[in-house]
Amino acid sequence: MAIDLSEVVNKYKGLWVGLKKEDQTTVVASGTTVKEVMEKAKRVGYPQPILFKVPTQIIPFVGGFQAV
C-alpha cells in the first residue's frame, strides 16, 4: 500500500523529519540536522524514529538501468 507523504513534503521542505514507525506518516520531530531530530524525538518518547530528508522540490524521474 502506498503511503501519502504529500503533507509532510509540503510542510517540511528541506528539513530532516522523524516519523513514527507505527504509521510511517506522523512527524514526531523535525530539524535541519539528523542530530537535532534525534534529540527532539527522544525528548518526546520516540528514541528510534524513521528518518527522512524532505526534498526541496519534487523532480520527476523516468529511467532505468542497464544490466551488465
N, C-alpha and C. Protein backbone atom coordinates (compact mmCIF):
# COMPACT_ATOMS: atom_id res chain seq x y z
N MET A 1 0.84 -1.18 0.00
CA MET A 1 0.00 0.00 0.00
C MET A 1 0.89 1.25 0.00
N ALA A 2 0.57 2.19 -0.81
CA ALA A 2 1.34 3.45 -0.91
C ALA A 2 1.06 4.34 0.30
N ILE A 3 2.08 5.05 0.72
CA ILE A 3 1.96 5.99 1.84
C ILE A 3 1.99 7.40 1.28
N ASP A 4 0.99 8.19 1.63
CA ASP A 4 0.90 9.57 1.15
C ASP A 4 1.67 10.49 2.09
N LEU A 5 2.80 10.99 1.63
CA LEU A 5 3.61 11.91 2.41
C LEU A 5 3.54 13.34 1.86
N SER A 6 2.51 13.65 1.08
CA SER A 6 2.42 14.97 0.46
C SER A 6 2.33 16.09 1.49
N GLU A 7 1.61 15.87 2.60
CA GLU A 7 1.52 16.91 3.63
C GLU A 7 2.88 17.14 4.29
N VAL A 8 3.61 16.06 4.53
CA VAL A 8 4.94 16.17 5.13
C VAL A 8 5.87 16.92 4.18
N VAL A 9 5.83 16.57 2.90
CA VAL A 9 6.68 17.24 1.90
C VAL A 9 6.37 18.72 1.82
N ASN A 10 5.11 19.07 1.82
CA ASN A 10 4.72 20.48 1.71
C ASN A 10 5.10 21.30 2.96
N LYS A 11 5.01 20.70 4.12
CA LYS A 11 5.25 21.42 5.37
C LYS A 11 6.73 21.47 5.78
N TYR A 12 7.50 20.44 5.43
CA TYR A 12 8.87 20.31 5.95
C TYR A 12 9.93 20.33 4.85
N LYS A 13 9.71 21.04 3.76
CA LYS A 13 10.67 21.09 2.65
C LYS A 13 12.08 21.43 3.13
N GLY A 14 13.04 20.60 2.72
CA GLY A 14 14.44 20.85 3.03
C GLY A 14 14.88 20.45 4.42
N LEU A 15 13.99 19.92 5.25
CA LEU A 15 14.32 19.54 6.62
C LEU A 15 14.41 18.03 6.78
N TRP A 16 15.06 17.61 7.84
CA TRP A 16 15.02 16.22 8.26
C TRP A 16 13.79 16.05 9.14
N VAL A 17 13.10 14.93 9.01
CA VAL A 17 11.96 14.63 9.89
C VAL A 17 12.13 13.24 10.47
N GLY A 18 11.57 13.07 11.64
CA GLY A 18 11.49 11.76 12.27
C GLY A 18 10.04 11.33 12.28
N LEU A 19 9.77 10.16 11.73
CA LEU A 19 8.40 9.65 11.63
C LEU A 19 8.16 8.51 12.61
N LYS A 20 6.91 8.38 13.08
CA LYS A 20 6.54 7.23 13.91
C LYS A 20 6.66 5.96 13.08
N LYS A 21 7.20 4.91 13.68
CA LYS A 21 7.31 3.63 12.98
C LYS A 21 5.94 2.99 12.76
N GLU A 22 5.01 3.26 13.68
CA GLU A 22 3.70 2.61 13.63
C GLU A 22 2.92 2.94 12.37
N ASP A 23 2.88 4.21 11.99
CA ASP A 23 2.09 4.58 10.82
C ASP A 23 2.92 5.16 9.68
N GLN A 24 4.18 5.46 9.95
CA GLN A 24 5.13 5.96 8.96
C GLN A 24 4.73 7.29 8.31
N THR A 25 3.80 8.02 8.92
CA THR A 25 3.38 9.32 8.38
C THR A 25 3.35 10.42 9.43
N THR A 26 3.28 10.08 10.71
CA THR A 26 3.20 11.07 11.77
C THR A 26 4.59 11.58 12.11
N VAL A 27 4.77 12.90 12.00
CA VAL A 27 6.06 13.52 12.30
C VAL A 27 6.16 13.73 13.81
N VAL A 28 7.21 13.17 14.42
CA VAL A 28 7.43 13.35 15.86
C VAL A 28 8.49 14.41 16.13
N ALA A 29 9.32 14.72 15.12
CA ALA A 29 10.35 15.75 15.28
C ALA A 29 10.83 16.18 13.90
N SER A 30 11.34 17.42 13.84
CA SER A 30 11.92 17.91 12.59
C SER A 30 13.06 18.85 12.93
N GLY A 31 13.97 19.03 11.97
CA GLY A 31 15.09 19.93 12.19
C GLY A 31 16.01 19.96 10.99
N THR A 32 17.06 20.75 11.10
CA THR A 32 17.99 20.90 9.98
C THR A 32 19.08 19.83 9.96
N THR A 33 19.25 19.11 11.09
CA THR A 33 20.25 18.04 11.13
C THR A 33 19.64 16.77 11.72
N VAL A 34 20.27 15.65 11.42
CA VAL A 34 19.83 14.37 11.97
C VAL A 34 19.96 14.40 13.49
N LYS A 35 21.06 14.95 14.00
CA LYS A 35 21.27 15.01 15.44
C LYS A 35 20.15 15.78 16.14
N GLU A 36 19.76 16.90 15.58
CA GLU A 36 18.68 17.70 16.15
C GLU A 36 17.37 16.91 16.20
N VAL A 37 17.06 16.22 15.12
CA VAL A 37 15.82 15.43 15.05
C VAL A 37 15.86 14.29 16.07
N MET A 38 16.98 13.60 16.18
CA MET A 38 17.10 12.50 17.12
C MET A 38 16.94 12.99 18.57
N GLU A 39 17.54 14.12 18.90
CA GLU A 39 17.41 14.67 20.25
C GLU A 39 15.96 15.05 20.56
N LYS A 40 15.30 15.69 19.61
CA LYS A 40 13.89 16.09 19.81
C LYS A 40 13.00 14.86 19.93
N ALA A 41 13.23 13.86 19.08
CA ALA A 41 12.42 12.64 19.11
C ALA A 41 12.57 11.92 20.45
N LYS A 42 13.78 11.84 20.96
CA LYS A 42 14.00 11.20 22.26
C LYS A 42 13.24 11.92 23.37
N ARG A 43 13.24 13.27 23.31
CA ARG A 43 12.55 14.05 24.34
C ARG A 43 11.05 13.80 24.35
N VAL A 44 10.47 13.47 23.19
CA VAL A 44 9.02 13.23 23.15
C VAL A 44 8.66 11.75 23.20
N GLY A 45 9.67 10.90 23.46
CA GLY A 45 9.39 9.48 23.67
C GLY A 45 9.54 8.57 22.47
N TYR A 46 10.20 9.02 21.42
CA TYR A 46 10.43 8.19 20.23
C TYR A 46 11.93 8.12 19.96
N PRO A 47 12.65 7.23 20.67
CA PRO A 47 14.11 7.18 20.55
C PRO A 47 14.62 6.66 19.21
N GLN A 48 13.79 5.97 18.43
CA GLN A 48 14.23 5.45 17.13
C GLN A 48 13.20 5.72 16.04
N PRO A 49 13.06 6.98 15.63
CA PRO A 49 12.10 7.29 14.56
C PRO A 49 12.66 6.88 13.20
N ILE A 50 11.81 6.86 12.22
CA ILE A 50 12.25 6.68 10.84
C ILE A 50 12.71 8.05 10.37
N LEU A 51 13.96 8.15 9.92
CA LEU A 51 14.49 9.43 9.47
C LEU A 51 14.26 9.61 7.98
N PHE A 52 13.95 10.84 7.60
CA PHE A 52 13.60 11.13 6.21
C PHE A 52 14.01 12.56 5.90
N LYS A 53 14.81 12.74 4.88
CA LYS A 53 15.20 14.09 4.42
C LYS A 53 14.20 14.51 3.35
N VAL A 54 13.44 15.55 3.63
CA VAL A 54 12.41 16.02 2.71
C VAL A 54 13.07 16.85 1.61
N PRO A 55 12.84 16.50 0.35
CA PRO A 55 13.45 17.27 -0.73
C PRO A 55 12.87 18.68 -0.81
N THR A 56 13.64 19.60 -1.38
CA THR A 56 13.14 20.97 -1.53
C THR A 56 12.22 21.10 -2.73
N GLN A 57 12.37 20.21 -3.67
CA GLN A 57 11.46 20.18 -4.82
C GLN A 57 11.35 18.76 -5.33
N ILE A 58 10.21 18.47 -5.92
CA ILE A 58 9.97 17.15 -6.48
C ILE A 58 10.33 17.19 -7.96
N ILE A 59 11.27 16.36 -8.37
CA ILE A 59 11.71 16.30 -9.75
C ILE A 59 11.36 14.92 -10.29
N PRO A 60 10.48 14.85 -11.26
CA PRO A 60 10.12 13.55 -11.83
C PRO A 60 11.33 12.88 -12.47
N PHE A 61 11.40 11.58 -12.34
CA PHE A 61 12.49 10.81 -12.93
C PHE A 61 11.91 9.60 -13.62
N VAL A 62 12.24 9.47 -14.86
CA VAL A 62 11.86 8.28 -15.62
C VAL A 62 13.15 7.71 -16.17
N GLY A 63 13.43 6.51 -15.82
CA GLY A 63 14.68 5.94 -16.28
C GLY A 63 14.75 4.47 -15.95
N GLY A 64 15.87 3.95 -16.14
CA GLY A 64 16.04 2.55 -15.87
C GLY A 64 17.49 2.26 -15.57
N PHE A 65 17.84 1.05 -15.76
CA PHE A 65 19.21 0.65 -15.52
C PHE A 65 19.65 -0.26 -16.65
N GLN A 66 20.92 -0.39 -16.78
CA GLN A 66 21.46 -1.25 -17.82
C GLN A 66 22.08 -2.46 -17.16
N ALA A 67 21.56 -3.60 -17.49
CA ALA A 67 22.13 -4.84 -16.95
C ALA A 67 23.45 -5.13 -17.66
N VAL A 68 24.43 -5.51 -16.91
CA VAL A 68 25.75 -5.79 -17.47
C VAL A 68 25.91 -7.26 -17.70
